[in-house]
Full PDB file with SEQRES, HELIX, SHEET, SSBOND, CRYST1, ORIGX, SCALE, CONECT and MASTER records, all heavy atoms in Angstrom:
SEQRES   1 A   39  GLY GLY GLY LEU VAL GLN PRO GLY GLY SER LEU ARG LEU          
SEQRES   2 A   39  SER CYS ALA ALA SER GLY LEU LEU PHE SER HIS THR VAL          
SEQRES   3 A   39  MET SER TRP TYR ARG GLN ALA PRO GLY LYS GLU ARG GLU          
HELIX    1 AA1 PHE A   22  HIS A   24  5                                   3    
CRYST1    1.000    1.000    1.000  90.00  90.00  90.00 P 1           1          
ORIGX1      1.000000  0.000000  0.000000        0.00000                         
ORIGX2      0.000000  1.000000  0.000000        0.00000                         
ORIGX3      0.000000  0.000000  1.000000        0.00000                         
SCALE1      1.000000  0.000000  0.000000        0.00000                         
SCALE2      0.000000  1.000000  0.000000        0.00000                         
SCALE3      0.000000  0.000000  1.000000        0.00000                         
ATOM      1  N   GLY A   1      -5.505  -3.056  -6.315  1.00  0.00           N  
ATOM      2  CA  GLY A   1      -6.589  -2.373  -5.505  1.00  0.00           C  
ATOM      3  C   GLY A   1      -6.605  -0.963  -5.602  1.00  0.00           C  
ATOM      4  O   GLY A   1      -7.621  -0.372  -5.124  1.00  0.00           O  
ATOM      5  N   GLY A   2      -5.730  -0.308  -6.262  1.00  0.00           N  
ATOM      6  CA  GLY A   2      -5.734   1.130  -6.462  1.00  0.00           C  
ATOM      7  C   GLY A   2      -6.782   1.466  -7.288  1.00  0.00           C  
ATOM      8  O   GLY A   2      -7.353   0.790  -8.077  1.00  0.00           O  
ATOM      9  N   GLY A   3      -7.209   2.840  -7.280  1.00  0.00           N  
ATOM     10  CA  GLY A   3      -8.146   3.337  -8.241  1.00  0.00           C  
ATOM     11  C   GLY A   3      -8.620   4.697  -7.808  1.00  0.00           C  
ATOM     12  O   GLY A   3      -8.026   5.460  -7.028  1.00  0.00           O  
ATOM     13  N   LEU A   4      -9.749   5.114  -8.433  1.00  0.00           N  
ATOM     14  CA  LEU A   4     -10.365   6.412  -8.140  1.00  0.00           C  
ATOM     15  C   LEU A   4     -11.633   6.177  -7.290  1.00  0.00           C  
ATOM     16  O   LEU A   4     -12.448   5.445  -7.533  1.00  0.00           O  
ATOM     17  CB  LEU A   4     -10.744   7.121  -9.574  1.00  0.00           C  
ATOM     18  CG  LEU A   4     -11.550   8.413  -9.412  1.00  0.00           C  
ATOM     19  CD1 LEU A   4     -10.732   9.439  -8.826  1.00  0.00           C  
ATOM     20  CD2 LEU A   4     -11.983   8.778 -10.707  1.00  0.00           C  
ATOM     21  N   VAL A   5     -11.627   6.996  -6.124  1.00  0.00           N  
ATOM     22  CA  VAL A   5     -12.645   6.927  -5.271  1.00  0.00           C  
ATOM     23  C   VAL A   5     -13.065   8.353  -4.917  1.00  0.00           C  
ATOM     24  O   VAL A   5     -12.296   9.332  -4.988  1.00  0.00           O  
ATOM     25  CB  VAL A   5     -12.439   6.144  -3.905  1.00  0.00           C  
ATOM     26  CG1 VAL A   5     -12.188   4.745  -4.329  1.00  0.00           C  
ATOM     27  CG2 VAL A   5     -11.251   6.714  -3.262  1.00  0.00           C  
ATOM     28  N   GLN A   6     -14.350   8.559  -4.416  1.00  0.00           N  
ATOM     29  CA  GLN A   6     -14.782   9.852  -3.878  1.00  0.00           C  
ATOM     30  C   GLN A   6     -14.415  10.024  -2.351  1.00  0.00           C  
ATOM     31  O   GLN A   6     -14.197   9.122  -1.675  1.00  0.00           O  
ATOM     32  CB  GLN A   6     -16.297  10.030  -4.115  1.00  0.00           C  
ATOM     33  CG  GLN A   6     -16.763   9.995  -5.531  1.00  0.00           C  
ATOM     34  CD  GLN A   6     -18.231  10.247  -5.748  1.00  0.00           C  
ATOM     35  OE1 GLN A   6     -18.788  11.032  -4.857  1.00  0.00           O  
ATOM     36  NE2 GLN A   6     -18.860   9.783  -6.803  1.00  0.00           N  
ATOM     37  N   PRO A   7     -14.273  11.306  -2.094  1.00  0.00           N  
ATOM     38  CA  PRO A   7     -14.034  11.584  -0.656  1.00  0.00           C  
ATOM     39  C   PRO A   7     -15.045  10.940   0.160  1.00  0.00           C  
ATOM     40  O   PRO A   7     -16.202  10.905  -0.050  1.00  0.00           O  
ATOM     41  CB  PRO A   7     -14.010  13.066  -0.657  1.00  0.00           C  
ATOM     42  CG  PRO A   7     -13.672  13.554  -1.912  1.00  0.00           C  
ATOM     43  CD  PRO A   7     -14.250  12.577  -2.856  1.00  0.00           C  
ATOM     44  N   GLY A   8     -14.611  10.296   1.266  1.00  0.00           N  
ATOM     45  CA  GLY A   8     -15.447   9.588   2.181  1.00  0.00           C  
ATOM     46  C   GLY A   8     -15.646   8.047   1.793  1.00  0.00           C  
ATOM     47  O   GLY A   8     -16.250   7.365   2.556  1.00  0.00           O  
ATOM     48  N   GLY A   9     -15.091   7.668   0.602  1.00  0.00           N  
ATOM     49  CA  GLY A   9     -15.172   6.401   0.249  1.00  0.00           C  
ATOM     50  C   GLY A   9     -14.291   5.573   0.784  1.00  0.00           C  
ATOM     51  O   GLY A   9     -13.372   5.936   1.625  1.00  0.00           O  
ATOM     52  N   SER A  10     -14.158   4.160   0.413  1.00  0.00           N  
ATOM     53  CA  SER A  10     -13.261   3.256   0.777  1.00  0.00           C  
ATOM     54  C   SER A  10     -12.605   2.493  -0.230  1.00  0.00           C  
ATOM     55  O   SER A  10     -13.166   2.471  -1.251  1.00  0.00           O  
ATOM     56  CB  SER A  10     -14.006   2.242   1.808  1.00  0.00           C  
ATOM     57  OG  SER A  10     -14.592   2.792   2.974  1.00  0.00           O  
ATOM     58  N   LEU A  11     -11.446   1.876   0.052  1.00  0.00           N  
ATOM     59  CA  LEU A  11     -10.630   1.174  -0.856  1.00  0.00           C  
ATOM     60  C   LEU A  11      -9.847   0.237   0.033  1.00  0.00           C  
ATOM     61  O   LEU A  11      -9.365   0.533   0.972  1.00  0.00           O  
ATOM     62  CB  LEU A  11      -9.803   2.148  -1.710  1.00  0.00           C  
ATOM     63  CG  LEU A  11      -9.297   1.616  -3.004  1.00  0.00           C  
ATOM     64  CD1 LEU A  11     -10.565   1.407  -3.963  1.00  0.00           C  
ATOM     65  CD2 LEU A  11      -8.466   2.709  -3.717  1.00  0.00           C  
ATOM     66  N   ARG A  12      -9.558  -0.936  -0.620  1.00  0.00           N  
ATOM     67  CA  ARG A  12      -8.717  -1.881  -0.025  1.00  0.00           C  
ATOM     68  C   ARG A  12      -7.452  -2.325  -0.957  1.00  0.00           C  
ATOM     69  O   ARG A  12      -7.774  -2.861  -2.047  1.00  0.00           O  
ATOM     70  CB  ARG A  12      -9.386  -3.156   0.427  1.00  0.00           C  
ATOM     71  CG  ARG A  12      -8.352  -4.060   1.309  1.00  0.00           C  
ATOM     72  CD  ARG A  12      -9.189  -5.297   1.840  1.00  0.00           C  
ATOM     73  NE  ARG A  12      -9.336  -6.387   0.925  1.00  0.00           N  
ATOM     74  CZ  ARG A  12      -9.370  -7.731   1.317  1.00  0.00           C  
ATOM     75  NH1 ARG A  12      -9.405  -7.967   2.650  1.00  0.00           N  
ATOM     76  NH2 ARG A  12      -9.537  -8.587   0.429  1.00  0.00           N  
ATOM     77  N   LEU A  13      -6.268  -2.060  -0.483  1.00  0.00           N  
ATOM     78  CA  LEU A  13      -5.192  -2.447  -1.242  1.00  0.00           C  
ATOM     79  C   LEU A  13      -4.718  -3.755  -0.781  1.00  0.00           C  
ATOM     80  O   LEU A  13      -4.708  -4.048   0.292  1.00  0.00           O  
ATOM     81  CB  LEU A  13      -4.039  -1.398  -1.036  1.00  0.00           C  
ATOM     82  CG  LEU A  13      -4.338   0.090  -1.346  1.00  0.00           C  
ATOM     83  CD1 LEU A  13      -3.154   1.037  -1.210  1.00  0.00           C  
ATOM     84  CD2 LEU A  13      -4.942   0.277  -2.758  1.00  0.00           C  
ATOM     85  N   SER A  14      -4.153  -4.456  -1.824  1.00  0.00           N  
ATOM     86  CA  SER A  14      -3.512  -5.820  -1.460  1.00  0.00           C  
ATOM     87  C   SER A  14      -2.139  -5.883  -1.956  1.00  0.00           C  
ATOM     88  O   SER A  14      -1.867  -5.338  -2.996  1.00  0.00           O  
ATOM     89  CB  SER A  14      -4.483  -6.880  -2.115  1.00  0.00           C  
ATOM     90  OG  SER A  14      -5.844  -6.914  -1.629  1.00  0.00           O  
ATOM     91  N   CYS A  15      -1.299  -6.686  -1.249  1.00  0.00           N  
ATOM     92  CA  CYS A  15       0.053  -7.015  -1.631  1.00  0.00           C  
ATOM     93  C   CYS A  15       0.235  -8.371  -1.500  1.00  0.00           C  
ATOM     94  O   CYS A  15       0.169  -9.001  -0.416  1.00  0.00           O  
ATOM     95  CB  CYS A  15       0.959  -6.133  -0.814  1.00  0.00           C  
ATOM     96  SG  CYS A  15       2.715  -6.402  -1.081  1.00  0.00           S  
ATOM     97  N   ALA A  16       0.701  -9.067  -2.628  1.00  0.00           N  
ATOM     98  CA  ALA A  16       0.886 -10.487  -2.588  1.00  0.00           C  
ATOM     99  C   ALA A  16       2.408 -10.638  -2.546  1.00  0.00           C  
ATOM    100  O   ALA A  16       3.211 -10.150  -3.491  1.00  0.00           O  
ATOM    101  CB  ALA A  16       0.256 -11.127  -3.744  1.00  0.00           C  
ATOM    102  N   ALA A  17       2.961 -11.370  -1.555  1.00  0.00           N  
ATOM    103  CA  ALA A  17       4.284 -11.528  -1.470  1.00  0.00           C  
ATOM    104  C   ALA A  17       4.777 -12.857  -1.728  1.00  0.00           C  
ATOM    105  O   ALA A  17       4.065 -13.940  -1.378  1.00  0.00           O  
ATOM    106  CB  ALA A  17       4.817 -11.100   0.000  1.00  0.00           C  
ATOM    107  N   SER A  18       6.071 -13.139  -2.371  1.00  0.00           N  
ATOM    108  CA  SER A  18       6.526 -14.419  -2.610  1.00  0.00           C  
ATOM    109  C   SER A  18       8.032 -14.459  -2.449  1.00  0.00           C  
ATOM    110  O   SER A  18       8.685 -13.247  -2.596  1.00  0.00           O  
ATOM    111  CB  SER A  18       6.132 -14.895  -3.932  1.00  0.00           C  
ATOM    112  OG  SER A  18       6.653 -14.035  -5.024  1.00  0.00           O  
ATOM    113  N   GLY A  19       8.689 -15.516  -2.188  1.00  0.00           N  
ATOM    114  CA  GLY A  19      10.016 -15.571  -2.145  1.00  0.00           C  
ATOM    115  C   GLY A  19      10.613 -15.268  -0.781  1.00  0.00           C  
ATOM    116  O   GLY A  19      11.900 -15.140  -0.813  1.00  0.00           O  
ATOM    117  N   LEU A  20       9.894 -15.040   0.289  1.00  0.00           N  
ATOM    118  CA  LEU A  20      10.407 -14.800   1.575  1.00  0.00           C  
ATOM    119  C   LEU A  20       9.568 -15.437   2.600  1.00  0.00           C  
ATOM    120  O   LEU A  20       8.521 -15.924   2.450  1.00  0.00           O  
ATOM    121  CB  LEU A  20      10.486 -13.209   1.841  1.00  0.00           C  
ATOM    122  CG  LEU A  20       9.102 -12.360   1.513  1.00  0.00           C  
ATOM    123  CD1 LEU A  20       8.094 -12.625   2.672  1.00  0.00           C  
ATOM    124  CD2 LEU A  20       9.639 -10.933   1.375  1.00  0.00           C  
ATOM    125  N   LEU A  21      10.123 -15.416   3.856  1.00  0.00           N  
ATOM    126  CA  LEU A  21       9.523 -16.028   5.061  1.00  0.00           C  
ATOM    127  C   LEU A  21       8.605 -14.988   5.553  1.00  0.00           C  
ATOM    128  O   LEU A  21       8.893 -14.186   6.404  1.00  0.00           O  
ATOM    129  CB  LEU A  21      10.509 -16.392   5.974  1.00  0.00           C  
ATOM    130  CG  LEU A  21      10.029 -17.248   7.277  1.00  0.00           C  
ATOM    131  CD1 LEU A  21       9.285 -18.514   6.783  1.00  0.00           C  
ATOM    132  CD2 LEU A  21      11.103 -17.647   8.256  1.00  0.00           C  
ATOM    133  N   PHE A  22       7.345 -14.991   5.009  1.00  0.00           N  
ATOM    134  CA  PHE A  22       6.460 -13.919   5.259  1.00  0.00           C  
ATOM    135  C   PHE A  22       6.049 -13.615   6.712  1.00  0.00           C  
ATOM    136  O   PHE A  22       5.965 -12.472   7.214  1.00  0.00           O  
ATOM    137  CB  PHE A  22       5.165 -14.161   4.427  1.00  0.00           C  
ATOM    138  CG  PHE A  22       4.114 -12.953   4.423  1.00  0.00           C  
ATOM    139  CD1 PHE A  22       4.402 -12.002   3.518  1.00  0.00           C  
ATOM    140  CD2 PHE A  22       3.112 -13.026   5.317  1.00  0.00           C  
ATOM    141  CE1 PHE A  22       3.488 -10.975   3.540  1.00  0.00           C  
ATOM    142  CE2 PHE A  22       2.190 -12.041   5.299  1.00  0.00           C  
ATOM    143  CZ  PHE A  22       2.348 -10.911   4.416  1.00  0.00           C  
ATOM    144  N   SER A  23       5.980 -14.713   7.507  1.00  0.00           N  
ATOM    145  CA  SER A  23       5.608 -14.556   8.949  1.00  0.00           C  
ATOM    146  C   SER A  23       6.722 -13.867   9.758  1.00  0.00           C  
ATOM    147  O   SER A  23       6.344 -13.419  10.834  1.00  0.00           O  
ATOM    148  CB  SER A  23       5.241 -15.942   9.568  1.00  0.00           C  
ATOM    149  OG  SER A  23       6.320 -16.817   9.460  1.00  0.00           O  
ATOM    150  N   HIS A  24       7.883 -13.820   9.192  1.00  0.00           N  
ATOM    151  CA  HIS A  24       8.908 -13.271   9.872  1.00  0.00           C  
ATOM    152  C   HIS A  24       9.461 -12.033   9.170  1.00  0.00           C  
ATOM    153  O   HIS A  24      10.665 -11.621   9.432  1.00  0.00           O  
ATOM    154  CB  HIS A  24      10.170 -14.219  10.059  1.00  0.00           C  
ATOM    155  CG  HIS A  24       9.815 -15.422  10.938  1.00  0.00           C  
ATOM    156  ND1 HIS A  24      10.179 -15.399  12.209  1.00  0.00           N  
ATOM    157  CD2 HIS A  24       9.117 -16.500  10.803  1.00  0.00           C  
ATOM    158  CE1 HIS A  24       9.715 -16.580  12.803  1.00  0.00           C  
ATOM    159  NE2 HIS A  24       9.081 -17.274  11.910  1.00  0.00           N  
ATOM    160  N   THR A  25       8.677 -11.356   8.536  1.00  0.00           N  
ATOM    161  CA  THR A  25       8.960 -10.186   7.666  1.00  0.00           C  
ATOM    162  C   THR A  25       8.091  -9.045   8.251  1.00  0.00           C  
ATOM    163  O   THR A  25       6.855  -9.197   8.461  1.00  0.00           O  
ATOM    164  CB  THR A  25       8.718 -10.451   6.255  1.00  0.00           C  
ATOM    165  OG1 THR A  25       9.498 -11.469   5.748  1.00  0.00           O  
ATOM    166  CG2 THR A  25       8.943  -9.227   5.315  1.00  0.00           C  
ATOM    167  N   VAL A  26       8.679  -7.879   8.271  1.00  0.00           N  
ATOM    168  CA  VAL A  26       7.952  -6.645   8.540  1.00  0.00           C  
ATOM    169  C   VAL A  26       7.312  -6.049   7.338  1.00  0.00           C  
ATOM    170  O   VAL A  26       8.066  -5.870   6.276  1.00  0.00           O  
ATOM    171  CB  VAL A  26       8.924  -5.590   9.197  1.00  0.00           C  
ATOM    172  CG1 VAL A  26       8.119  -4.319   9.627  1.00  0.00           C  
ATOM    173  CG2 VAL A  26       9.638  -6.111  10.405  1.00  0.00           C  
ATOM    174  N   MET A  27       6.164  -5.981   7.252  1.00  0.00           N  
ATOM    175  CA  MET A  27       5.318  -5.449   6.186  1.00  0.00           C  
ATOM    176  C   MET A  27       4.839  -3.930   6.429  1.00  0.00           C  
ATOM    177  O   MET A  27       4.240  -3.660   7.485  1.00  0.00           O  
ATOM    178  CB  MET A  27       4.156  -6.358   5.781  1.00  0.00           C  
ATOM    179  CG  MET A  27       4.612  -7.739   5.452  1.00  0.00           C  
ATOM    180  SD  MET A  27       5.706  -7.920   4.077  1.00  0.00           S  
ATOM    181  CE  MET A  27       4.664  -7.207   2.732  1.00  0.00           C  
ATOM    182  N   SER A  28       5.008  -3.127   5.380  1.00  0.00           N  
ATOM    183  CA  SER A  28       4.656  -1.762   5.568  1.00  0.00           C  
ATOM    184  C   SER A  28       3.992  -1.200   4.334  1.00  0.00           C  
ATOM    185  O   SER A  28       4.148  -1.903   3.177  1.00  0.00           O  
ATOM    186  CB  SER A  28       5.833  -0.959   5.833  1.00  0.00           C  
ATOM    187  OG  SER A  28       6.404  -1.292   7.168  1.00  0.00           O  
ATOM    188  N   TRP A  29       3.131  -0.274   4.396  1.00  0.00           N  
ATOM    189  CA  TRP A  29       2.713   0.542   3.341  1.00  0.00           C  
ATOM    190  C   TRP A  29       3.254   1.913   3.406  1.00  0.00           C  
ATOM    191  O   TRP A  29       3.254   2.555   4.478  1.00  0.00           O  
ATOM    192  CB  TRP A  29       1.199   0.511   3.357  1.00  0.00           C  
ATOM    193  CG  TRP A  29       0.457  -0.648   2.964  1.00  0.00           C  
ATOM    194  CD1 TRP A  29      -0.047  -1.624   3.896  1.00  0.00           C  
ATOM    195  CD2 TRP A  29       0.177  -1.021   1.631  1.00  0.00           C  
ATOM    196  NE1 TRP A  29      -0.634  -2.664   3.100  1.00  0.00           N  
ATOM    197  CE2 TRP A  29      -0.410  -2.439   1.738  1.00  0.00           C  
ATOM    198  CE3 TRP A  29       0.389  -0.618   0.326  1.00  0.00           C  
ATOM    199  CZ2 TRP A  29      -0.851  -3.047   0.610  1.00  0.00           C  
ATOM    200  CZ3 TRP A  29      -0.038  -1.331  -0.726  1.00  0.00           C  
ATOM    201  CH2 TRP A  29      -0.616  -2.616  -0.623  1.00  0.00           C  
ATOM    202  N   TYR A  30       3.716   2.393   2.299  1.00  0.00           N  
ATOM    203  CA  TYR A  30       4.185   3.789   2.119  1.00  0.00           C  
ATOM    204  C   TYR A  30       3.349   4.445   1.043  1.00  0.00           C  
ATOM    205  O   TYR A  30       2.647   3.821   0.279  1.00  0.00           O  
ATOM    206  CB  TYR A  30       5.576   3.800   1.739  1.00  0.00           C  
ATOM    207  CG  TYR A  30       6.665   3.433   2.833  1.00  0.00           C  
ATOM    208  CD1 TYR A  30       6.841   2.260   3.221  1.00  0.00           C  
ATOM    209  CD2 TYR A  30       7.457   4.485   3.358  1.00  0.00           C  
ATOM    210  CE1 TYR A  30       7.726   1.862   4.138  1.00  0.00           C  
ATOM    211  CE2 TYR A  30       8.385   4.059   4.292  1.00  0.00           C  
ATOM    212  CZ  TYR A  30       8.530   2.766   4.704  1.00  0.00           C  
ATOM    213  OH  TYR A  30       9.574   2.470   5.668  1.00  0.00           O  
ATOM    214  N   ARG A  31       3.400   5.720   1.047  1.00  0.00           N  
ATOM    215  CA  ARG A  31       2.832   6.530  -0.043  1.00  0.00           C  
ATOM    216  C   ARG A  31       3.596   7.748  -0.362  1.00  0.00           C  
ATOM    217  O   ARG A  31       4.365   8.193   0.410  1.00  0.00           O  
ATOM    218  CB  ARG A  31       1.432   6.893   0.361  1.00  0.00           C  
ATOM    219  CG  ARG A  31       1.245   8.030   1.411  1.00  0.00           C  
ATOM    220  CD  ARG A  31      -0.166   8.167   1.787  1.00  0.00           C  
ATOM    221  NE  ARG A  31      -0.309   9.288   2.861  1.00  0.00           N  
ATOM    222  CZ  ARG A  31      -1.468   9.607   3.350  1.00  0.00           C  
ATOM    223  NH1 ARG A  31      -2.621   9.025   3.013  1.00  0.00           N  
ATOM    224  NH2 ARG A  31      -1.525  10.543   4.206  1.00  0.00           N  
ATOM    225  N   GLN A  32       3.554   8.162  -1.702  1.00  0.00           N  
ATOM    226  CA  GLN A  32       4.198   9.245  -2.121  1.00  0.00           C  
ATOM    227  C   GLN A  32       3.240  10.062  -3.168  1.00  0.00           C  
ATOM    228  O   GLN A  32       2.800   9.594  -4.026  1.00  0.00           O  
ATOM    229  CB  GLN A  32       5.412   8.980  -2.911  1.00  0.00           C  
ATOM    230  CG  GLN A  32       6.260  10.021  -3.309  1.00  0.00           C  
ATOM    231  CD  GLN A  32       7.729   9.614  -3.700  1.00  0.00           C  
ATOM    232  OE1 GLN A  32       7.842   8.383  -4.238  1.00  0.00           O  
ATOM    233  NE2 GLN A  32       8.654  10.490  -3.581  1.00  0.00           N  
ATOM    234  N   ALA A  33       3.075  11.275  -2.654  1.00  0.00           N  
ATOM    235  CA  ALA A  33       2.264  12.235  -3.521  1.00  0.00           C  
ATOM    236  C   ALA A  33       3.042  12.908  -4.479  1.00  0.00           C  
ATOM    237  O   ALA A  33       4.393  13.214  -4.127  1.00  0.00           O  
ATOM    238  CB  ALA A  33       1.327  13.119  -2.613  1.00  0.00           C  
ATOM    239  N   PRO A  34       2.568  13.584  -5.479  1.00  0.00           N  
ATOM    240  CA  PRO A  34       3.525  14.273  -6.488  1.00  0.00           C  
ATOM    241  C   PRO A  34       4.164  15.370  -5.680  1.00  0.00           C  
ATOM    242  O   PRO A  34       3.484  16.108  -4.942  1.00  0.00           O  
ATOM    243  CB  PRO A  34       2.368  14.763  -7.414  1.00  0.00           C  
ATOM    244  CG  PRO A  34       1.302  13.773  -7.407  1.00  0.00           C  
ATOM    245  CD  PRO A  34       1.195  13.351  -5.875  1.00  0.00           C  
ATOM    246  N   GLY A  35       5.379  15.530  -5.869  1.00  0.00           N  
ATOM    247  CA  GLY A  35       6.233  16.553  -5.301  1.00  0.00           C  
ATOM    248  C   GLY A  35       6.607  16.434  -3.909  1.00  0.00           C  
ATOM    249  O   GLY A  35       7.096  17.372  -3.332  1.00  0.00           O  
ATOM    250  N   LYS A  36       6.219  15.388  -3.316  1.00  0.00           N  
ATOM    251  CA  LYS A  36       6.390  15.106  -1.815  1.00  0.00           C  
ATOM    252  C   LYS A  36       7.226  13.884  -1.646  1.00  0.00           C  
ATOM    253  O   LYS A  36       7.340  12.962  -2.550  1.00  0.00           O  
ATOM    254  CB  LYS A  36       5.035  15.024  -1.097  1.00  0.00           C  
ATOM    255  CG  LYS A  36       4.235  16.263  -1.221  1.00  0.00           C  
ATOM    256  CD  LYS A  36       3.035  16.059  -0.347  1.00  0.00           C  
ATOM    257  CE  LYS A  36       2.150  17.283  -0.405  1.00  0.00           C  
ATOM    258  NZ  LYS A  36       2.804  18.451   0.190  1.00  0.00           N  
ATOM    259  N   GLU A  37       7.802  13.786  -0.434  1.00  0.00           N  
ATOM    260  CA  GLU A  37       8.652  12.630  -0.071  1.00  0.00           C  
ATOM    261  C   GLU A  37       7.796  11.485   0.266  1.00  0.00           C  
ATOM    262  O   GLU A  37       6.591  11.595   0.574  1.00  0.00           O  
ATOM    263  CB  GLU A  37       9.460  12.968   1.147  1.00  0.00           C  
ATOM    264  CG  GLU A  37      10.591  14.026   0.923  1.00  0.00           C  
ATOM    265  CD  GLU A  37      11.440  14.226   2.088  1.00  0.00           C  
ATOM    266  OE1 GLU A  37      11.045  13.775   3.217  1.00  0.00           O  
ATOM    267  OE2 GLU A  37      12.434  14.748   2.020  1.00  0.00           O  
ATOM    268  N   ARG A  38       8.329  10.287   0.058  1.00  0.00           N  
ATOM    269  CA  ARG A  38       7.627   8.964   0.378  1.00  0.00           C  
ATOM    270  C   ARG A  38       7.494   8.955   1.856  1.00  0.00           C  
ATOM    271  O   ARG A  38       8.500   9.215   2.617  1.00  0.00           O  
ATOM    272  CB  ARG A  38       8.402   7.804  -0.107  1.00  0.00           C  
ATOM    273  CG  ARG A  38       7.656   6.570  -0.030  1.00  0.00           C  
ATOM    274  CD  ARG A  38       8.339   5.472  -0.738  1.00  0.00           C  
ATOM    275  NE  ARG A  38       8.441   5.793  -2.258  1.00  0.00           N  
ATOM    276  CZ  ARG A  38       8.981   4.876  -3.179  1.00  0.00           C  
ATOM    277  NH1 ARG A  38       9.329   3.630  -2.748  1.00  0.00           N  
ATOM    278  NH2 ARG A  38       8.976   5.195  -4.414  1.00  0.00           N  
ATOM    279  N   GLU A  39       6.322   8.648   2.435  1.00  0.00           N  
ATOM    280  CA  GLU A  39       6.051   8.627   3.817  1.00  0.00           C  
ATOM    281  C   GLU A  39       5.553   7.240   4.177  1.00  0.00           C  
ATOM    282  O   GLU A  39       4.816   6.506   3.492  1.00  0.00           O  
ATOM    283  CB  GLU A  39       5.224   9.632   4.270  1.00  0.00           C  
ATOM    284  CG  GLU A  39       3.741   9.615   3.716  1.00  0.00           C  
ATOM    285  CD  GLU A  39       2.855  10.568   4.221  1.00  0.00           C  
ATOM    286  OE1 GLU A  39       3.046  11.141   5.366  1.00  0.00           O  
ATOM    287  OE2 GLU A  39       1.727  10.917   3.522  1.00  0.00           O  
TER     288      GLU A  39                                                      
MASTER        0    0    0    1    0    0    0    6  287    1    0    3          
END                                                                             
């Protein structure tokens, strides 16, 4: 779902998980910009 968008635009990221008990798993999104720490 990643890509290039203009300011003010929208995007939806998707993550497909397998091999775990998904309903009992904490799911998170992180991001890391160039030269910066992952947040």
